[in-house]
Amino acid sequence: MSSLDDLKFEMATAEDEKEITELLVKNFKPPMGVALNMEHEDMICLCPSIVRRCLSCPLSMVVRNAEGKIIAVQLVTIHNRQDEQEEHDRNEAALTEKAVKIVKFMTHMEGDLWQLVPLDVNCLMRFNITFVMPEYQRHGIARRLSSMRLDAAKQLGCQGITTTSISIKSQKLRLSEGFEVVKEVKYKDWLDENGKVIFDIKDDETDRSILTFKRL
């Protein structure tokens, strides 16, 4: 690992799309994905559209090491209250069975967001994915990413930040940053049509997903 002093924090651009997508498809392993034993085909039908959508927002960031490789990302979108009905339109026909399970859960977590945040908040910055390569974790990179571009977000009209944290690590980070939990779902309560737990997470302390909000 190169020195942390050599890391460069930069705004993500369309030119980074392929590298970010490959990074996430190969290395991003959230607890829900691990529980489903998601494979390459499952990730490749999810990640590209997320990356592409977030790269259209001038708030997404990448972190490069001394060799110029991306080792961390924070993918961001901006959401307006009046666009509420359009935010969760997804083409499930193009997704694998496992990917559909992830999308349905995330839609449930975030679908009523505007009913959960204060009524005077009409524009939100959303952290969609924050990922740091394992060998670079525990050095404050994710926290630093979360504190950058906030002034730019305000200039774009954002009045708050929201994110869904699906792992215990990200949940502890957001709570330490002053985020408020506005919704939570325990994984043991998320069942399929046969009453079976969909995300049976065994090798992680994570037991729930939380939707959080913080004013800017």
C-alpha atoms as a PDB file:
ATOM      1  CA  MET A   1       0.000   0.000   0.000  1.00  0.00           C
ATOM      2  CA  SER A   2       1.311   3.418  -0.886  1.00  0.00           C
ATOM      3  CA  SER A   3       1.527   6.108   1.792  1.00  0.00           C
ATOM      4  CA  LEU A   4      -1.734   7.764   2.725  1.00  0.00           C
ATOM      5  CA  ASP A   5       0.041  11.057   2.112  1.00  0.00           C
ATOM      6  CA  ASP A   6       0.212  10.085  -1.565  1.00  0.00           C
ATOM      7  CA  LEU A   7      -3.543   9.685  -1.933  1.00  0.00           C
ATOM      8  CA  LYS A   8      -5.378  12.136  -4.170  1.00  0.00           C
ATOM      9  CA  PHE A   9      -9.019  13.036  -3.571  1.00  0.00           C
ATOM     10  CA  GLU A  10     -10.645  14.104  -6.839  1.00  0.00           C
ATOM     11  CA  MET A  11     -14.051  14.777  -8.310  1.00  0.00           C
ATOM     12  CA  ALA A  12     -15.251  11.729 -10.245  1.00  0.00           C
ATOM     13  CA  THR A  13     -15.824  12.226 -13.964  1.00  0.00           C
ATOM     14  CA  ALA A  14     -17.334  10.265 -16.838  1.00  0.00           C
ATOM     15  CA  GLU A  15     -13.824   9.102 -17.744  1.00  0.00           C
ATOM     16  CA  ASP A  16     -13.733   7.164 -14.460  1.00  0.00           C
ATOM     17  CA  GLU A  17     -16.857   5.133 -15.214  1.00  0.00           C
ATOM     18  CA  LYS A  18     -15.152   1.935 -16.382  1.00  0.00           C
ATOM     19  CA  GLU A  19     -12.582   1.864 -13.584  1.00  0.00           C
ATOM     20  CA  ILE A  20     -15.153   2.590 -10.856  1.00  0.00           C
ATOM     21  CA  THR A  21     -17.512  -0.058 -12.210  1.00  0.00           C
ATOM     22  CA  GLU A  22     -14.763  -2.675 -12.329  1.00  0.00           C
ATOM     23  CA  LEU A  23     -13.636  -1.743  -8.810  1.00  0.00           C
ATOM     24  CA  LEU A  24     -17.130  -2.235  -7.392  1.00  0.00           C
ATOM     25  CA  VAL A  25     -17.999  -5.373  -9.354  1.00  0.00           C
ATOM     26  CA  LYS A  26     -14.797  -7.081  -8.201  1.00  0.00           C
ATOM     27  CA  ASN A  27     -14.489  -5.788  -4.642  1.00  0.00           C
ATOM     28  CA  PHE A  28     -17.718  -4.318  -3.232  1.00  0.00           C
ATOM     29  CA  LYS A  29     -19.196  -7.003  -0.977  1.00  0.00           C
ATOM     30  CA  PRO A  30     -21.985  -5.612   1.217  1.00  0.00           C
ATOM     31  CA  PRO A  31     -23.442  -7.987   3.839  1.00  0.00           C
ATOM     32  CA  MET A  32     -26.672  -8.481   1.869  1.00  0.00           C
ATOM     33  CA  GLY A  33     -24.685  -9.457  -1.223  1.00  0.00           C
ATOM     34  CA  VAL A  34     -22.560 -11.894   0.771  1.00  0.00           C
ATOM     35  CA  ALA A  35     -25.692 -13.425   2.293  1.00  0.00           C
ATOM     36  CA  LEU A  36     -27.088 -13.995  -1.210  1.00  0.00           C
ATOM     37  CA  ASN A  37     -23.726 -15.270  -2.471  1.00  0.00           C
ATOM     38  CA  MET A  38     -23.870 -12.720  -5.271  1.00  0.00           C
ATOM     39  CA  GLU A  39     -21.557 -13.406  -8.186  1.00  0.00           C
ATOM     40  CA  HIS A  40     -20.103 -11.375 -11.041  1.00  0.00           C
ATOM     41  CA  GLU A  41     -23.255 -11.566 -13.169  1.00  0.00           C
ATOM     42  CA  ASP A  42     -25.350 -10.231 -10.294  1.00  0.00           C
ATOM     43  CA  MET A  43     -23.064  -7.279  -9.645  1.00  0.00           C
ATOM     44  CA  ILE A  44     -22.531  -6.412 -13.286  1.00  0.00           C
ATOM     45  CA  CYS A  45     -26.262  -5.881 -13.820  1.00  0.00           C
ATOM     46  CA  LEU A  46     -26.477  -3.578 -10.792  1.00  0.00           C
ATOM     47  CA  CYS A  47     -23.323  -1.495 -10.695  1.00  0.00           C
ATOM     48  CA  PRO A  48     -23.052   0.144 -14.154  1.00  0.00           C
ATOM     49  CA  SER A  49     -26.380   1.991 -13.957  1.00  0.00           C
ATOM     50  CA  ILE A  50     -25.644   3.206 -10.423  1.00  0.00           C
ATOM     51  CA  VAL A  51     -22.183   4.431 -11.402  1.00  0.00           C
ATOM     52  CA  ARG A  52     -23.436   6.147 -14.548  1.00  0.00           C
ATOM     53  CA  ARG A  53     -26.232   7.931 -12.707  1.00  0.00           C
ATOM     54  CA  CYS A  54     -23.908   9.135  -9.953  1.00  0.00           C
ATOM     55  CA  LEU A  55     -21.241  10.377 -12.346  1.00  0.00           C
ATOM     56  CA  SER A  56     -23.750  12.856 -13.722  1.00  0.00           C
ATOM     57  CA  CYS A  57     -23.640  14.526 -10.294  1.00  0.00           C
ATOM     58  CA  PRO A  58     -20.715  16.923  -9.641  1.00  0.00           C
ATOM     59  CA  LEU A  59     -20.463  15.723  -6.028  1.00  0.00           C
ATOM     60  CA  SER A  60     -19.171  12.171  -6.581  1.00  0.00           C
ATOM     61  CA  MET A  61     -15.545  11.579  -5.570  1.00  0.00           C
ATOM     62  CA  VAL A  62     -12.696   9.148  -6.203  1.00  0.00           C
ATOM     63  CA  VAL A  63      -9.472   8.569  -4.306  1.00  0.00           C
ATOM     64  CA  ARG A  64      -6.330   7.526  -6.206  1.00  0.00           C
ATOM     65  CA  ASN A  65      -3.116   6.039  -4.846  1.00  0.00           C
ATOM     66  CA  ALA A  66       0.412   6.958  -5.920  1.00  0.00           C
ATOM     67  CA  GLU A  67       0.101   4.630  -8.916  1.00  0.00           C
ATOM     68  CA  GLY A  68      -3.014   6.463 -10.065  1.00  0.00           C
ATOM     69  CA  LYS A  69      -5.405   3.607  -9.319  1.00  0.00           C
ATOM     70  CA  ILE A  70      -8.786   4.293  -7.748  1.00  0.00           C
ATOM     71  CA  ILE A  71      -8.848   2.791  -4.258  1.00  0.00           C
ATOM     72  CA  ALA A  72     -11.988   4.473  -2.884  1.00  0.00           C
ATOM     73  CA  VAL A  73     -15.165   6.068  -4.177  1.00  0.00           C
ATOM     74  CA  GLN A  74     -18.142   7.996  -2.919  1.00  0.00           C
ATOM     75  CA  LEU A  75     -21.001   7.980  -5.396  1.00  0.00           C
ATOM     76  CA  VAL A  76     -23.519  10.771  -4.889  1.00  0.00           C
ATOM     77  CA  THR A  77     -26.810  11.899  -6.382  1.00  0.00           C
ATOM     78  CA  ILE A  78     -29.056  14.903  -5.778  1.00  0.00           C
ATOM     79  CA  HIS A  79     -32.773  14.368  -5.198  1.00  0.00           C
ATOM     80  CA  ASN A  80     -35.664  16.823  -5.196  1.00  0.00           C
ATOM     81  CA  ARG A  81     -38.985  16.347  -3.463  1.00  0.00           C
ATOM     82  CA  GLN A  82     -40.949  17.010  -6.651  1.00  0.00           C
ATOM     83  CA  ASP A  83     -39.145  14.095  -8.368  1.00  0.00           C
ATOM     84  CA  GLU A  84     -40.262  11.664  -5.685  1.00  0.00           C
ATOM     85  CA  GLN A  85     -42.292   9.422  -7.964  1.00  0.00           C
ATOM     86  CA  GLU A  86     -39.451   8.882 -10.422  1.00  0.00           C
ATOM     87  CA  GLU A  87     -36.705   7.871  -8.049  1.00  0.00           C
ATOM     88  CA  HIS A  88     -37.357   4.150  -7.850  1.00  0.00           C
ATOM     89  CA  ASP A  89     -38.262   3.261 -11.408  1.00  0.00           C
ATOM     90  CA  ARG A  90     -36.070   0.264 -12.238  1.00  0.00           C
ATOM     91  CA  ASN A  91     -36.146  -2.253 -15.090  1.00  0.00           C
ATOM     92  CA  GLU A  92     -36.282  -5.474 -13.076  1.00  0.00           C
ATOM     93  CA  ALA A  93     -36.431  -7.536 -16.274  1.00  0.00           C
ATOM     94  CA  ALA A  94     -32.776  -6.688 -16.855  1.00  0.00           C
ATOM     95  CA  LEU A  95     -31.723  -7.880 -13.391  1.00  0.00           C
ATOM     96  CA  THR A  96     -30.779 -11.284 -12.043  1.00  0.00           C
ATOM     97  CA  GLU A  97     -32.957 -12.868  -9.351  1.00  0.00           C
ATOM     98  CA  LYS A  98     -30.481 -11.930  -6.628  1.00  0.00           C
ATOM     99  CA  ALA A  99     -30.153  -8.370  -7.897  1.00  0.00           C
ATOM    100  CA  VAL A 100     -33.950  -7.990  -7.839  1.00  0.00           C
ATOM    101  CA  LYS A 101     -33.940  -8.933  -4.143  1.00  0.00           C
ATOM    102  CA  ILE A 102     -31.445  -6.148  -3.425  1.00  0.00           C
ATOM    103  CA  VAL A 103     -33.398  -3.586  -5.464  1.00  0.00           C
ATOM    104  CA  LYS A 104     -36.708  -4.434  -3.789  1.00  0.00           C
ATOM    105  CA  PHE A 105     -35.176  -4.076  -0.346  1.00  0.00           C
ATOM    106  CA  MET A 106     -33.515  -0.745  -1.155  1.00  0.00           C
ATOM    107  CA  THR A 107     -36.756   0.540  -2.677  1.00  0.00           C
ATOM    108  CA  HIS A 108     -38.531  -0.357   0.547  1.00  0.00           C
ATOM    109  CA  MET A 109     -35.862   1.411   2.600  1.00  0.00           C
ATOM    110  CA  GLU A 110     -35.843   4.616   0.562  1.00  0.00           C
ATOM    111  CA  GLY A 111     -39.263   4.751  -1.118  1.00  0.00           C
ATOM    112  CA  ASP A 112     -40.893   6.850   1.608  1.00  0.00           C
ATOM    113  CA  LEU A 113     -37.887   9.070   2.269  1.00  0.00           C
ATOM    114  CA  TRP A 114     -39.764  12.323   1.681  1.00  0.00           C
ATOM    115  CA  GLN A 115     -42.318  11.396   4.317  1.00  0.00           C
ATOM    116  CA  LEU A 116     -39.521  10.849   6.842  1.00  0.00           C
ATOM    117  CA  VAL A 117     -37.396  13.982   6.438  1.00  0.00           C
ATOM    118  CA  PRO A 118     -38.538  17.451   7.618  1.00  0.00           C
ATOM    119  CA  LEU A 119     -41.184  19.069   5.415  1.00  0.00           C
ATOM    120  CA  ASP A 120     -39.031  22.156   4.817  1.00  0.00           C
ATOM    121  CA  VAL A 121     -36.318  20.018   3.189  1.00  0.00           C
ATOM    122  CA  ASN A 122     -36.863  19.833  -0.572  1.00  0.00           C
ATOM    123  CA  CYS A 123     -33.425  18.936  -1.927  1.00  0.00           C
ATOM    124  CA  LEU A 124     -31.121  16.188  -0.655  1.00  0.00           C
ATOM    125  CA  MET A 125     -27.599  14.985  -1.302  1.00  0.00           C
ATOM    126  CA  ARG A 126     -27.593  11.181  -1.209  1.00  0.00           C
ATOM    127  CA  PHE A 127     -24.539   9.002  -0.532  1.00  0.00           C
ATOM    128  CA  ASN A 128     -25.373   5.984  -2.713  1.00  0.00           C
ATOM    129  CA  ILE A 129     -22.156   4.006  -2.303  1.00  0.00           C
ATOM    130  CA  THR A 130     -19.101   4.756  -0.202  1.00  0.00           C
ATOM    131  CA  PHE A 131     -16.418   2.120  -0.696  1.00  0.00           C
ATOM    132  CA  VAL A 132     -12.775   1.926   0.358  1.00  0.00           C
ATOM    133  CA  MET A 133     -10.535  -0.980  -0.638  1.00  0.00           C
ATOM    134  CA  PRO A 134      -9.908  -3.219   2.423  1.00  0.00           C
ATOM    135  CA  GLU A 135      -6.175  -2.483   2.621  1.00  0.00           C
ATOM    136  CA  TYR A 136      -6.939   1.246   2.868  1.00  0.00           C
ATOM    137  CA  GLN A 137      -9.719   1.013   5.439  1.00  0.00           C
ATOM    138  CA  ARG A 138      -9.504   2.272   9.039  1.00  0.00           C
ATOM    139  CA  HIS A 139      -7.503   5.336   7.999  1.00  0.00           C
ATOM    140  CA  GLY A 140     -10.331   7.880   7.921  1.00  0.00           C
ATOM    141  CA  ILE A 141     -10.756   7.899   4.145  1.00  0.00           C
ATOM    142  CA  ALA A 142     -14.535   7.301   4.204  1.00  0.00           C
ATOM    143  CA  ARG A 143     -14.987   9.983   6.854  1.00  0.00           C
ATOM    144  CA  ARG A 144     -12.927  12.459   4.842  1.00  0.00           C
ATOM    145  CA  LEU A 145     -14.937  11.726   1.701  1.00  0.00           C
ATOM    146  CA  SER A 146     -18.155  12.414   3.597  1.00  0.00           C
ATOM    147  CA  SER A 147     -16.943  15.829   4.697  1.00  0.00           C
ATOM    148  CA  MET A 148     -15.859  16.999   1.250  1.00  0.00           C
ATOM    149  CA  ARG A 149     -18.006  18.848  -1.306  1.00  0.00           C
ATOM    150  CA  LEU A 150     -20.523  19.934   1.343  1.00  0.00           C
ATOM    151  CA  ASP A 151     -20.202  23.603   0.404  1.00  0.00           C
ATOM    152  CA  ALA A 152     -20.696  22.630  -3.242  1.00  0.00           C
ATOM    153  CA  ALA A 153     -23.795  20.657  -2.253  1.00  0.00           C
ATOM    154  CA  LYS A 154     -25.229  23.705  -0.509  1.00  0.00           C
ATOM    155  CA  GLN A 155     -24.554  25.835  -3.578  1.00  0.00           C
ATOM    156  CA  LEU A 156     -26.535  23.294  -5.613  1.00  0.00           C
ATOM    157  CA  GLY A 157     -29.475  23.769  -3.271  1.00  0.00           C
ATOM    158  CA  CYS A 158     -29.065  20.725  -1.035  1.00  0.00           C
ATOM    159  CA  GLN A 159     -30.515  21.190   2.430  1.00  0.00           C
ATOM    160  CA  GLY A 160     -29.510  17.855   3.886  1.00  0.00           C
ATOM    161  CA  ILE A 161     -27.756  14.522   3.344  1.00  0.00           C
ATOM    162  CA  THR A 162     -29.307  11.075   3.363  1.00  0.00           C
ATOM    163  CA  THR A 163     -27.915   7.581   3.026  1.00  0.00           C
ATOM    164  CA  THR A 164     -28.924   3.993   3.624  1.00  0.00           C
ATOM    165  CA  SER A 165     -26.294   2.173   5.664  1.00  0.00           C
ATOM    166  CA  ILE A 166     -26.444  -1.585   5.209  1.00  0.00           C
ATOM    167  CA  SER A 167     -23.385  -2.634   7.242  1.00  0.00           C
ATOM    168  CA  ILE A 168     -22.439  -2.138  10.875  1.00  0.00           C
ATOM    169  CA  LYS A 169     -19.263  -0.260   9.898  1.00  0.00           C
ATOM    170  CA  SER A 170     -21.077   2.321   7.790  1.00  0.00           C
ATOM    171  CA  GLN A 171     -23.790   2.666  10.428  1.00  0.00           C
ATOM    172  CA  LYS A 172     -21.273   3.466  13.157  1.00  0.00           C
ATOM    173  CA  LEU A 173     -19.611   6.001  10.858  1.00  0.00           C
ATOM    174  CA  ARG A 174     -22.852   7.815  10.020  1.00  0.00           C
ATOM    175  CA  LEU A 175     -24.027   7.927  13.632  1.00  0.00           C
ATOM    176  CA  SER A 176     -20.653   9.321  14.711  1.00  0.00           C
ATOM    177  CA  GLU A 177     -21.060  12.026  12.048  1.00  0.00           C
ATOM    178  CA  GLY A 178     -24.350  13.177  13.556  1.00  0.00           C
ATOM    179  CA  PHE A 179     -26.792  11.494  11.201  1.00  0.00           C
ATOM    180  CA  GLU A 180     -30.266  10.754  12.574  1.00  0.00           C
ATOM    181  CA  VAL A 181     -31.914   7.374  12.007  1.00  0.00           C
ATOM    182  CA  VAL A 182     -35.283   7.941  10.320  1.00  0.00           C
ATOM    183  CA  LYS A 183     -36.015   4.309   9.449  1.00  0.00           C
ATOM    184  CA  GLU A 184     -34.621   0.875  10.180  1.00  0.00           C
ATOM    185  CA  VAL A 185     -35.400  -2.665   9.069  1.00  0.00           C
ATOM    186  CA  LYS A 186     -33.954  -5.718  10.775  1.00  0.00           C
ATOM    187  CA  TYR A 187     -32.812  -8.337   8.298  1.00  0.00           C
ATOM    188  CA  LYS A 188     -34.512 -11.113  10.289  1.00  0.00           C
ATOM    189  CA  ASP A 189     -37.828  -9.397   9.593  1.00  0.00           C
ATOM    190  CA  TRP A 190     -37.348  -9.163   5.809  1.00  0.00           C
ATOM    191  CA  LEU A 191     -38.922 -12.384   4.551  1.00  0.00           C
ATOM    192  CA  ASP A 192     -39.743 -13.990   1.214  1.00  0.00           C
ATOM    193  CA  GLU A 193     -43.173 -15.292   0.211  1.00  0.00           C
ATOM    194  CA  ASN A 194     -42.503 -18.494   2.147  1.00  0.00           C
ATOM    195  CA  GLY A 195     -41.625 -16.701   5.361  1.00  0.00           C
ATOM    196  CA  LYS A 196     -37.890 -17.368   5.011  1.00  0.00           C
ATOM    197  CA  VAL A 197     -35.279 -14.727   5.881  1.00  0.00           C
ATOM    198  CA  ILE A 198     -33.880 -13.374   2.609  1.00  0.00           C
ATOM    199  CA  PHE A 199     -30.639 -11.908   3.949  1.00  0.00           C
ATOM    200  CA  ASP A 200     -29.347 -14.489   6.430  1.00  0.00           C
ATOM    201  CA  ILE A 201     -26.213 -12.645   7.554  1.00  0.00           C
ATOM    202  CA  LYS A 202     -24.086 -14.985   9.677  1.00  0.00           C
ATOM    203  CA  ASP A 203     -20.503 -13.748   9.503  1.00  0.00           C
ATOM    204  CA  ASP A 204     -21.071 -10.097  10.354  1.00  0.00           C
ATOM    205  CA  GLU A 205     -22.336  -8.093  13.331  1.00  0.00           C
ATOM    206  CA  THR A 206     -24.784  -6.359  11.011  1.00  0.00           C
ATOM    207  CA  ASP A 207     -28.386  -7.139  11.906  1.00  0.00           C
ATOM    208  CA  ARG A 208     -30.274  -4.287  10.219  1.00  0.00           C
ATOM    209  CA  SER A 209     -30.271  -1.549   7.604  1.00  0.00           C
ATOM    210  CA  ILE A 210     -30.806   2.076   8.569  1.00  0.00           C
ATOM    211  CA  LEU A 211     -31.909   5.122   6.585  1.00  0.00           C
ATOM    212  CA  THR A 212     -30.301   8.255   7.994  1.00  0.00           C
ATOM    213  CA  PHE A 213     -30.600  12.016   7.512  1.00  0.00           C
ATOM    214  CA  LYS A 214     -28.569  15.074   8.497  1.00  0.00           C
ATOM    215  CA  ARG A 215     -29.191  18.741   7.768  1.00  0.00           C
ATOM    216  CA  LEU A 216     -26.617  20.709   5.855  1.00  0.00           C
END
